[in-house]
Amino acid sequence: MIKRFLVQGFALNVNDSAYLVEVSPHVEGAEQFQDLGKLPAWIFQSKHAIWLAPINAALADRAIKGEQIKHRLIPFFKQKIKPQN
């Protein structure tokens, strides 16, 4: 099951069973997003979490870009949100 969160202008599609986070710039639309308080802690804590950016590139390049976005978001979460375990 995919959970969607809106964070600092980014849409996060989180797949708990695959430890996968697909991150993209948020474009205004009718999407439904979950409360950030329900964001799973593993997305920042797990060494196995994979962040992918939706760019038209090789998987490794998507992962590199996704990790860059992840590191941009970490300070926001440390200040504002305490993710669930």
N, C-alpha and C. Protein backbone atom coordinates (compact mmCIF):
# COMPACT_ATOMS: atom_id res chain seq x y z
N MET A 1 0.84 -1.18 0.00
CA MET A 1 0.00 0.00 0.00
C MET A 1 0.89 1.25 0.00
N ILE A 2 0.59 2.18 -0.85
CA ILE A 2 1.35 3.42 -0.98
C ILE A 2 0.67 4.49 -0.13
N LYS A 3 1.48 5.17 0.69
CA LYS A 3 0.99 6.31 1.48
C LYS A 3 1.60 7.57 0.88
N ARG A 4 0.81 8.65 0.81
CA ARG A 4 1.29 9.90 0.22
C ARG A 4 1.37 10.99 1.29
N PHE A 5 2.48 11.70 1.28
CA PHE A 5 2.70 12.79 2.21
C PHE A 5 3.18 14.01 1.44
N LEU A 6 2.82 15.19 1.91
CA LEU A 6 3.28 16.44 1.31
C LEU A 6 4.22 17.11 2.30
N VAL A 7 5.47 17.34 1.88
CA VAL A 7 6.50 17.87 2.76
C VAL A 7 7.32 18.93 2.04
N GLN A 8 7.29 20.15 2.53
CA GLN A 8 8.15 21.21 2.02
C GLN A 8 8.14 21.29 0.48
N GLY A 9 6.97 21.16 -0.11
CA GLY A 9 6.86 21.26 -1.56
C GLY A 9 7.17 19.99 -2.32
N PHE A 10 7.37 18.89 -1.60
CA PHE A 10 7.64 17.60 -2.23
C PHE A 10 6.53 16.62 -1.90
N ALA A 11 6.12 15.83 -2.88
CA ALA A 11 5.18 14.74 -2.66
C ALA A 11 6.00 13.47 -2.42
N LEU A 12 5.75 12.80 -1.29
CA LEU A 12 6.44 11.55 -0.98
C LEU A 12 5.45 10.41 -1.12
N ASN A 13 5.78 9.46 -1.97
CA ASN A 13 5.00 8.23 -2.10
C ASN A 13 5.78 7.15 -1.35
N VAL A 14 5.24 6.71 -0.23
CA VAL A 14 5.95 5.81 0.67
C VAL A 14 5.36 4.40 0.58
N ASN A 15 6.22 3.42 0.30
CA ASN A 15 5.83 2.01 0.25
C ASN A 15 6.55 1.30 1.40
N ASP A 16 5.80 1.03 2.49
CA ASP A 16 6.39 0.42 3.68
C ASP A 16 7.00 -0.95 3.39
N SER A 17 6.33 -1.78 2.63
CA SER A 17 6.80 -3.15 2.42
C SER A 17 8.07 -3.21 1.58
N ALA A 18 8.33 -2.21 0.77
CA ALA A 18 9.52 -2.20 -0.08
C ALA A 18 10.60 -1.25 0.43
N TYR A 19 10.32 -0.55 1.52
CA TYR A 19 11.25 0.48 2.03
C TYR A 19 11.62 1.46 0.92
N LEU A 20 10.61 1.90 0.21
CA LEU A 20 10.80 2.76 -0.95
C LEU A 20 10.08 4.08 -0.78
N VAL A 21 10.78 5.16 -1.10
CA VAL A 21 10.20 6.50 -1.08
C VAL A 21 10.43 7.11 -2.45
N GLU A 22 9.35 7.37 -3.18
CA GLU A 22 9.46 8.08 -4.45
C GLU A 22 9.11 9.53 -4.15
N VAL A 23 10.03 10.42 -4.46
CA VAL A 23 9.86 11.82 -4.12
C VAL A 23 9.84 12.66 -5.39
N SER A 24 8.92 13.61 -5.44
CA SER A 24 8.83 14.48 -6.61
C SER A 24 8.34 15.85 -6.17
N PRO A 25 8.67 16.89 -6.94
CA PRO A 25 8.12 18.21 -6.63
C PRO A 25 6.60 18.14 -6.69
N HIS A 26 5.95 18.77 -5.74
CA HIS A 26 4.49 18.74 -5.70
C HIS A 26 3.91 19.71 -6.72
N VAL A 27 2.98 19.20 -7.49
CA VAL A 27 2.23 20.01 -8.45
C VAL A 27 0.80 20.05 -7.94
N GLU A 28 0.24 21.26 -7.88
CA GLU A 28 -1.13 21.40 -7.37
C GLU A 28 -2.08 20.47 -8.09
N GLY A 29 -2.91 19.80 -7.31
CA GLY A 29 -3.90 18.89 -7.88
C GLY A 29 -4.85 18.42 -6.80
N ALA A 30 -5.56 17.37 -7.09
CA ALA A 30 -6.59 16.87 -6.17
C ALA A 30 -6.08 15.71 -5.31
N GLU A 31 -4.77 15.54 -5.21
CA GLU A 31 -4.24 14.41 -4.46
C GLU A 31 -4.63 14.50 -2.98
N GLN A 32 -4.78 13.34 -2.38
CA GLN A 32 -5.02 13.23 -0.95
C GLN A 32 -3.70 12.91 -0.27
N PHE A 33 -3.35 13.66 0.76
CA PHE A 33 -2.12 13.42 1.50
C PHE A 33 -2.44 13.08 2.94
N GLN A 34 -1.62 12.23 3.53
CA GLN A 34 -1.81 11.84 4.92
C GLN A 34 -1.16 12.84 5.86
N ASP A 35 -1.59 12.80 7.12
CA ASP A 35 -1.03 13.64 8.17
C ASP A 35 0.45 13.29 8.36
N LEU A 36 1.30 14.31 8.43
CA LEU A 36 2.74 14.07 8.58
C LEU A 36 3.08 13.35 9.88
N GLY A 37 2.20 13.42 10.86
CA GLY A 37 2.41 12.68 12.10
C GLY A 37 2.41 11.18 11.90
N LYS A 38 1.88 10.72 10.78
CA LYS A 38 1.83 9.29 10.46
C LYS A 38 3.00 8.84 9.60
N LEU A 39 3.92 9.74 9.34
CA LEU A 39 5.08 9.40 8.52
C LEU A 39 5.93 8.35 9.23
N PRO A 40 6.24 7.22 8.59
CA PRO A 40 7.04 6.19 9.25
C PRO A 40 8.47 6.64 9.51
N ALA A 41 9.00 6.31 10.68
CA ALA A 41 10.35 6.71 11.06
C ALA A 41 11.42 6.10 10.17
N TRP A 42 11.14 4.92 9.61
CA TRP A 42 12.17 4.23 8.83
C TRP A 42 12.65 5.04 7.63
N ILE A 43 11.85 5.96 7.11
CA ILE A 43 12.27 6.65 5.89
C ILE A 43 13.55 7.45 6.09
N PHE A 44 13.81 7.88 7.32
CA PHE A 44 15.07 8.58 7.60
C PHE A 44 16.05 7.72 8.40
N GLN A 45 15.56 6.72 9.09
CA GLN A 45 16.42 5.95 9.99
C GLN A 45 17.00 4.68 9.38
N SER A 46 16.30 4.07 8.44
CA SER A 46 16.75 2.79 7.91
C SER A 46 17.86 2.96 6.88
N LYS A 47 18.86 2.10 7.00
CA LYS A 47 19.93 2.07 6.01
C LYS A 47 19.45 1.43 4.71
N HIS A 48 18.31 0.76 4.77
CA HIS A 48 17.79 0.04 3.62
C HIS A 48 16.77 0.83 2.83
N ALA A 49 16.37 1.99 3.34
CA ALA A 49 15.39 2.81 2.63
C ALA A 49 15.97 3.33 1.32
N ILE A 50 15.17 3.27 0.29
CA ILE A 50 15.59 3.74 -1.04
C ILE A 50 14.72 4.93 -1.41
N TRP A 51 15.36 6.04 -1.70
CA TRP A 51 14.67 7.25 -2.15
C TRP A 51 14.94 7.40 -3.64
N LEU A 52 13.88 7.54 -4.41
CA LEU A 52 14.02 7.70 -5.85
C LEU A 52 13.35 8.99 -6.32
N ALA A 53 14.05 9.71 -7.17
CA ALA A 53 13.49 10.90 -7.81
C ALA A 53 12.89 10.47 -9.15
N PRO A 54 11.81 11.12 -9.57
CA PRO A 54 11.15 10.73 -10.82
C PRO A 54 11.76 11.39 -12.05
N ILE A 55 13.02 11.18 -12.23
CA ILE A 55 13.67 11.75 -13.41
C ILE A 55 13.86 10.64 -14.44
N ASN A 56 13.97 11.01 -15.68
CA ASN A 56 14.16 10.05 -16.76
C ASN A 56 15.65 9.75 -16.86
N ALA A 57 16.11 8.82 -16.01
CA ALA A 57 17.52 8.50 -15.94
C ALA A 57 17.68 7.07 -15.42
N ALA A 58 18.91 6.62 -15.37
CA ALA A 58 19.20 5.29 -14.83
C ALA A 58 18.79 5.23 -13.35
N LEU A 59 18.50 4.04 -12.88
CA LEU A 59 18.06 3.84 -11.51
C LEU A 59 19.06 4.42 -10.50
N ALA A 60 20.34 4.23 -10.75
CA ALA A 60 21.36 4.76 -9.84
C ALA A 60 21.29 6.28 -9.77
N ASP A 61 21.06 6.94 -10.89
CA ASP A 61 20.95 8.40 -10.91
C ASP A 61 19.70 8.87 -10.19
N ARG A 62 18.61 8.11 -10.34
CA ARG A 62 17.38 8.44 -9.62
C ARG A 62 17.60 8.33 -8.12
N ALA A 63 18.36 7.30 -7.69
CA ALA A 63 18.64 7.10 -6.27
C ALA A 63 19.54 8.21 -5.72
N ILE A 64 20.52 8.63 -6.49
CA ILE A 64 21.41 9.71 -6.06
C ILE A 64 20.62 11.00 -5.87
N LYS A 65 19.78 11.34 -6.82
CA LYS A 65 18.95 12.54 -6.73
C LYS A 65 17.96 12.42 -5.56
N GLY A 66 17.37 11.24 -5.38
CA GLY A 66 16.46 11.01 -4.26
C GLY A 66 17.15 11.21 -2.91
N GLU A 67 18.37 10.71 -2.77
CA GLU A 67 19.13 10.89 -1.53
C GLU A 67 19.45 12.37 -1.28
N GLN A 68 19.73 13.11 -2.33
CA GLN A 68 19.98 14.54 -2.18
C GLN A 68 18.75 15.25 -1.62
N ILE A 69 17.59 14.89 -2.12
CA ILE A 69 16.35 15.49 -1.63
C ILE A 69 16.11 15.08 -0.18
N LYS A 70 16.35 13.81 0.13
CA LYS A 70 16.20 13.31 1.50
C LYS A 70 17.03 14.16 2.46
N HIS A 71 18.26 14.42 2.12
CA HIS A 71 19.15 15.19 3.01
C HIS A 71 18.70 16.65 3.13
N ARG A 72 18.02 17.16 2.13
CA ARG A 72 17.45 18.52 2.23
C ARG A 72 16.27 18.55 3.19
N LEU A 73 15.54 17.42 3.29
CA LEU A 73 14.35 17.37 4.14
C LEU A 73 14.64 17.00 5.59
N ILE A 74 15.75 16.37 5.87
CA ILE A 74 16.06 15.92 7.23
C ILE A 74 15.98 17.06 8.25
N PRO A 75 16.58 18.23 8.02
CA PRO A 75 16.48 19.30 9.03
C PRO A 75 15.05 19.71 9.34
N PHE A 76 14.17 19.72 8.33
CA PHE A 76 12.77 20.04 8.56
C PHE A 76 12.14 19.06 9.54
N PHE A 77 12.41 17.77 9.35
CA PHE A 77 11.83 16.76 10.21
C PHE A 77 12.39 16.80 11.62
N LYS A 78 13.64 17.11 11.76
CA LYS A 78 14.23 17.20 13.09
C LYS A 78 13.60 18.33 13.89
N GLN A 79 13.21 19.40 13.23
CA GLN A 79 12.61 20.56 13.90
C GLN A 79 11.13 20.40 14.13
N LYS A 80 10.41 19.93 13.15
CA LYS A 80 8.94 20.01 13.16
C LYS A 80 8.21 18.73 13.49
N ILE A 81 8.76 17.59 13.09
CA ILE A 81 7.97 16.37 13.12
C ILE A 81 8.73 15.25 13.82
N LYS A 82 7.99 14.49 14.59
CA LYS A 82 8.55 13.30 15.18
C LYS A 82 7.86 12.10 14.52
N PRO A 83 8.49 11.47 13.52
CA PRO A 83 7.86 10.36 12.81
C PRO A 83 7.52 9.20 13.71
N GLN A 84 6.50 8.42 13.34
CA GLN A 84 6.11 7.23 14.08
C GLN A 84 7.06 6.10 13.78
N ASN A 85 7.17 5.17 14.73
CA ASN A 85 7.96 3.95 14.49
C ASN A 85 7.15 2.92 13.77
